[in-house]
């Protein structure tokens, strides 16, 4: 949900920036108070969008790391220490193949 709100805020910031650019292009921006207000709204939208997207990505990465460590720890617990897998490329097997 945070990711969607973050995208929404960034889209809103793009619309505000487009409105500022078109207004100054066609009519000029005589009122500096309006310019600063819209620039502040643009900045707030970009900031909120960035923070929400970043927070959403961090939560997703933590979930992935948690599931990987859980699976790895379960796998390590299921193995015993005295069983070793046979490696077909070990030095002993290579010597036997040469003879």
N, C-alpha and C. Protein backbone atom coordinates (compact mmCIF):
# COMPACT_ATOMS: atom_id res chain seq x y z
N UNK A 1 0.82 -1.19 0.00
CA UNK A 1 0.00 0.00 0.00
C UNK A 1 0.87 1.26 0.00
N UNK A 2 1.99 1.21 0.76
CA UNK A 2 2.87 2.37 0.82
C UNK A 2 3.49 2.65 -0.55
N UNK A 3 3.77 1.58 -1.27
CA UNK A 3 4.36 1.74 -2.60
C UNK A 3 3.40 2.47 -3.53
N UNK A 4 2.13 2.12 -3.46
CA UNK A 4 1.12 2.77 -4.31
C UNK A 4 0.96 4.25 -3.96
N UNK A 5 0.95 4.56 -2.65
CA UNK A 5 0.86 5.96 -2.25
C UNK A 5 2.11 6.73 -2.68
N UNK A 6 3.26 6.08 -2.59
CA UNK A 6 4.49 6.72 -3.03
C UNK A 6 4.45 7.06 -4.51
N UNK A 7 3.98 6.12 -5.31
CA UNK A 7 3.83 6.37 -6.75
C UNK A 7 2.83 7.51 -7.01
N UNK A 8 1.76 7.50 -6.23
CA UNK A 8 0.74 8.54 -6.40
C UNK A 8 1.31 9.92 -6.10
N UNK A 9 2.08 10.04 -5.01
CA UNK A 9 2.68 11.32 -4.67
C UNK A 9 3.67 11.78 -5.74
N UNK A 10 4.45 10.86 -6.30
CA UNK A 10 5.38 11.24 -7.36
C UNK A 10 4.64 11.68 -8.62
N UNK A 11 3.55 11.01 -8.93
CA UNK A 11 2.74 11.44 -10.08
C UNK A 11 2.15 12.84 -9.85
N UNK A 12 1.67 13.07 -8.64
CA UNK A 12 1.13 14.38 -8.31
C UNK A 12 2.20 15.46 -8.43
N UNK A 13 3.41 15.15 -8.00
CA UNK A 13 4.52 16.11 -8.12
C UNK A 13 4.82 16.42 -9.58
N UNK A 14 4.75 15.40 -10.44
CA UNK A 14 4.98 15.63 -11.87
C UNK A 14 3.91 16.54 -12.45
N UNK A 15 2.65 16.35 -12.04
CA UNK A 15 1.57 17.20 -12.53
C UNK A 15 1.76 18.65 -12.07
N UNK A 16 2.16 18.82 -10.83
CA UNK A 16 2.40 20.18 -10.32
C UNK A 16 3.53 20.84 -11.08
N UNK A 17 4.63 20.12 -11.31
CA UNK A 17 5.75 20.68 -12.05
C UNK A 17 5.35 21.02 -13.49
N UNK A 18 4.55 20.18 -14.10
CA UNK A 18 4.06 20.46 -15.45
C UNK A 18 3.19 21.71 -15.46
N UNK A 19 2.34 21.85 -14.46
CA UNK A 19 1.48 23.03 -14.37
C UNK A 19 2.30 24.30 -14.20
N UNK A 20 3.35 24.23 -13.38
CA UNK A 20 4.22 25.40 -13.19
C UNK A 20 4.91 25.76 -14.50
N UNK A 21 5.43 24.76 -15.19
CA UNK A 21 6.14 25.01 -16.45
C UNK A 21 5.21 25.59 -17.51
N UNK A 22 4.03 25.03 -17.65
CA UNK A 22 3.10 25.54 -18.66
C UNK A 22 2.59 26.94 -18.32
N UNK A 23 2.35 27.19 -17.05
CA UNK A 23 1.87 28.51 -16.65
C UNK A 23 2.93 29.58 -16.94
N UNK A 24 4.16 29.30 -16.60
CA UNK A 24 5.21 30.30 -16.86
C UNK A 24 5.48 30.44 -18.34
N UNK A 25 5.29 29.39 -19.10
CA UNK A 25 5.54 29.44 -20.54
C UNK A 25 4.49 30.29 -21.25
N UNK A 26 3.21 30.10 -20.90
CA UNK A 26 2.14 30.80 -21.61
C UNK A 26 1.82 32.18 -21.05
N UNK A 27 1.89 32.33 -19.76
CA UNK A 27 1.42 33.56 -19.16
C UNK A 27 2.50 34.29 -18.36
N UNK A 28 3.47 33.59 -17.92
CA UNK A 28 4.45 34.21 -17.03
C UNK A 28 3.97 34.10 -15.60
N UNK A 29 4.89 34.14 -14.71
CA UNK A 29 4.54 33.98 -13.30
C UNK A 29 4.83 35.30 -12.59
N UNK A 30 3.81 36.17 -12.59
CA UNK A 30 3.98 37.47 -11.96
C UNK A 30 3.87 37.38 -10.44
N UNK A 31 3.08 36.46 -9.98
CA UNK A 31 2.86 36.34 -8.54
C UNK A 31 3.89 35.37 -7.95
N UNK A 32 4.85 35.91 -7.26
CA UNK A 32 5.90 35.06 -6.68
C UNK A 32 5.37 34.21 -5.53
N UNK A 33 4.34 34.71 -4.84
CA UNK A 33 3.75 33.94 -3.73
C UNK A 33 3.16 32.63 -4.27
N UNK A 34 2.48 32.69 -5.38
CA UNK A 34 1.91 31.50 -6.00
C UNK A 34 3.01 30.55 -6.47
N UNK A 35 4.06 31.09 -7.01
CA UNK A 35 5.19 30.27 -7.47
C UNK A 35 5.80 29.51 -6.30
N UNK A 36 6.05 30.20 -5.20
CA UNK A 36 6.65 29.54 -4.04
C UNK A 36 5.71 28.53 -3.41
N UNK A 37 4.42 28.80 -3.42
CA UNK A 37 3.45 27.86 -2.87
C UNK A 37 3.41 26.57 -3.68
N UNK A 38 3.36 26.70 -5.00
CA UNK A 38 3.33 25.51 -5.84
C UNK A 38 4.67 24.75 -5.78
N UNK A 39 5.77 25.48 -5.68
CA UNK A 39 7.07 24.81 -5.54
C UNK A 39 7.15 24.06 -4.22
N UNK A 40 6.60 24.64 -3.15
CA UNK A 40 6.57 23.95 -1.86
C UNK A 40 5.70 22.69 -1.94
N UNK A 41 4.56 22.78 -2.61
CA UNK A 41 3.69 21.60 -2.78
C UNK A 41 4.41 20.52 -3.58
N UNK A 42 5.12 20.94 -4.61
CA UNK A 42 5.90 19.99 -5.42
C UNK A 42 6.95 19.30 -4.55
N UNK A 43 7.67 20.07 -3.75
CA UNK A 43 8.72 19.51 -2.89
C UNK A 43 8.17 18.53 -1.87
N UNK A 44 7.04 18.88 -1.28
CA UNK A 44 6.42 18.00 -0.29
C UNK A 44 5.98 16.69 -0.94
N UNK A 45 5.39 16.76 -2.12
CA UNK A 45 4.93 15.55 -2.82
C UNK A 45 6.11 14.66 -3.19
N UNK A 46 7.19 15.25 -3.67
CA UNK A 46 8.38 14.46 -4.03
C UNK A 46 8.96 13.80 -2.79
N UNK A 47 9.05 14.54 -1.70
CA UNK A 47 9.60 14.01 -0.45
C UNK A 47 8.76 12.86 0.08
N UNK A 48 7.45 13.05 0.18
CA UNK A 48 6.58 11.98 0.67
C UNK A 48 6.63 10.76 -0.25
N UNK A 49 6.60 10.98 -1.55
CA UNK A 49 6.66 9.87 -2.49
C UNK A 49 7.94 9.09 -2.35
N UNK A 50 9.06 9.79 -2.25
CA UNK A 50 10.36 9.13 -2.11
C UNK A 50 10.43 8.34 -0.82
N UNK A 51 10.00 8.94 0.29
CA UNK A 51 10.06 8.26 1.58
C UNK A 51 9.16 7.02 1.61
N UNK A 52 7.97 7.13 1.05
CA UNK A 52 7.07 5.97 1.05
C UNK A 52 7.61 4.84 0.17
N UNK A 53 8.17 5.17 -0.98
CA UNK A 53 8.74 4.13 -1.84
C UNK A 53 9.96 3.49 -1.20
N UNK A 54 10.77 4.30 -0.57
CA UNK A 54 11.98 3.77 0.09
C UNK A 54 11.58 2.85 1.24
N UNK A 55 10.61 3.28 2.04
CA UNK A 55 10.16 2.47 3.16
C UNK A 55 9.55 1.16 2.68
N UNK A 56 8.80 1.21 1.59
CA UNK A 56 8.20 0.01 1.04
C UNK A 56 9.27 -0.96 0.54
N UNK A 57 10.29 -0.44 -0.13
CA UNK A 57 11.38 -1.29 -0.61
C UNK A 57 12.16 -1.91 0.55
N UNK A 58 12.37 -1.15 1.61
CA UNK A 58 13.09 -1.68 2.76
C UNK A 58 12.30 -2.80 3.43
N UNK A 59 10.99 -2.65 3.52
CA UNK A 59 10.15 -3.69 4.11
C UNK A 59 10.16 -4.95 3.25
N UNK A 60 10.15 -4.79 1.93
CA UNK A 60 10.20 -5.95 1.04
C UNK A 60 11.54 -6.66 1.16
N UNK A 61 12.63 -5.90 1.24
CA UNK A 61 13.95 -6.51 1.37
C UNK A 61 14.11 -7.23 2.69
N UNK A 62 13.55 -6.69 3.77
CA UNK A 62 13.62 -7.36 5.06
C UNK A 62 12.83 -8.65 5.03
N UNK A 63 11.70 -8.65 4.36
CA UNK A 63 10.91 -9.88 4.24
C UNK A 63 11.64 -10.94 3.45
N UNK A 64 12.33 -10.55 2.40
CA UNK A 64 13.09 -11.51 1.60
C UNK A 64 14.26 -12.06 2.39
N UNK A 65 14.98 -11.18 3.09
CA UNK A 65 16.12 -11.63 3.88
C UNK A 65 15.68 -12.55 5.00
N UNK A 66 14.54 -12.26 5.62
CA UNK A 66 14.04 -13.11 6.69
C UNK A 66 13.70 -14.49 6.16
N UNK A 67 13.04 -14.56 5.01
CA UNK A 67 12.66 -15.87 4.48
C UNK A 67 13.88 -16.65 4.04
N UNK A 68 14.90 -15.97 3.50
CA UNK A 68 16.12 -16.68 3.09
C UNK A 68 16.86 -17.23 4.30
N UNK A 69 16.98 -16.46 5.37
CA UNK A 69 17.69 -16.94 6.55
C UNK A 69 16.90 -18.04 7.23
N UNK A 70 15.60 -17.98 7.21
CA UNK A 70 14.79 -19.03 7.81
C UNK A 70 14.96 -20.34 7.07
N UNK A 71 14.93 -20.28 5.75
CA UNK A 71 15.10 -21.48 4.94
C UNK A 71 16.50 -22.03 5.12
N UNK A 72 17.51 -21.16 5.14
CA UNK A 72 18.89 -21.61 5.30
C UNK A 72 19.10 -22.24 6.66
N UNK A 73 18.54 -21.67 7.71
CA UNK A 73 18.72 -22.25 9.04
C UNK A 73 18.00 -23.58 9.16
N UNK A 74 16.83 -23.71 8.55
CA UNK A 74 16.12 -24.98 8.57
C UNK A 74 16.90 -26.04 7.80
N UNK A 75 17.53 -25.65 6.71
CA UNK A 75 18.31 -26.59 5.91
C UNK A 75 19.54 -27.04 6.70
N UNK A 76 20.21 -26.12 7.37
CA UNK A 76 21.39 -26.46 8.16
C UNK A 76 21.03 -27.35 9.33
N UNK A 77 19.89 -27.15 9.95
CA UNK A 77 19.46 -27.98 11.06
C UNK A 77 19.12 -29.39 10.60
N UNK A 78 18.64 -29.53 9.39
CA UNK A 78 18.25 -30.85 8.91
C UNK A 78 19.45 -31.70 8.52
N UNK A 79 20.58 -31.08 8.22
CA UNK A 79 21.78 -31.84 7.87
C UNK A 79 22.51 -32.26 9.14
N UNK A 80 23.17 -33.42 9.06
CA UNK A 80 24.02 -33.82 10.18
C UNK A 80 25.45 -33.50 9.83
N UNK A 81 26.31 -33.43 10.83
CA UNK A 81 27.69 -33.00 10.58
C UNK A 81 28.56 -34.13 10.06
N UNK A 82 28.23 -35.39 10.32
CA UNK A 82 29.11 -36.48 9.90
C UNK A 82 28.80 -36.98 8.49
N UNK A 83 27.83 -36.51 7.83
CA UNK A 83 27.59 -36.91 6.44
C UNK A 83 28.11 -35.83 5.52
N UNK A 84 28.91 -36.24 4.54
CA UNK A 84 29.45 -35.30 3.57
C UNK A 84 29.03 -35.77 2.18
N UNK A 85 28.63 -34.86 1.35
CA UNK A 85 28.25 -35.28 -0.01
C UNK A 85 29.47 -35.73 -0.80
N UNK A 86 29.26 -36.69 -1.66
CA UNK A 86 30.34 -37.19 -2.49
C UNK A 86 30.51 -36.25 -3.67
N UNK A 87 31.72 -35.79 -3.84
CA UNK A 87 32.03 -34.86 -4.91
C UNK A 87 32.67 -35.65 -6.05
N UNK A 88 32.09 -35.62 -7.20
CA UNK A 88 32.63 -36.38 -8.33
C UNK A 88 33.91 -35.77 -8.88
N UNK A 89 34.21 -34.53 -8.52
CA UNK A 89 35.41 -33.87 -9.00
C UNK A 89 36.53 -33.86 -7.97
N UNK A 90 36.42 -34.69 -6.95
CA UNK A 90 37.45 -34.70 -5.91
C UNK A 90 38.74 -35.30 -6.46
N UNK A 91 39.84 -35.07 -5.77
CA UNK A 91 41.15 -35.52 -6.21
C UNK A 91 41.23 -37.04 -6.27
N UNK A 92 40.62 -37.74 -5.32
CA UNK A 92 40.65 -39.20 -5.31
C UNK A 92 39.98 -39.78 -6.55
N UNK A 93 38.84 -39.22 -6.92
CA UNK A 93 38.13 -39.72 -8.10
C UNK A 93 38.91 -39.44 -9.37
N UNK A 94 39.62 -38.32 -9.44
CA UNK A 94 40.42 -38.00 -10.61
C UNK A 94 41.59 -38.96 -10.76
N UNK A 95 42.21 -39.31 -9.63
CA UNK A 95 43.34 -40.27 -9.67
C UNK A 95 42.86 -41.63 -10.13
N UNK A 96 41.70 -42.06 -9.66
CA UNK A 96 41.15 -43.37 -10.05
C UNK A 96 40.83 -43.38 -11.54
N UNK A 97 40.33 -42.28 -12.07
CA UNK A 97 39.97 -42.21 -13.47
C UNK A 97 41.20 -42.26 -14.36
N UNK A 98 42.33 -41.69 -13.90
CA UNK A 98 43.57 -41.69 -14.67
C UNK A 98 44.15 -43.09 -14.78
N UNK A 99 44.01 -43.91 -13.75
CA UNK A 99 44.59 -45.26 -13.76
C UNK A 99 43.80 -46.15 -14.61
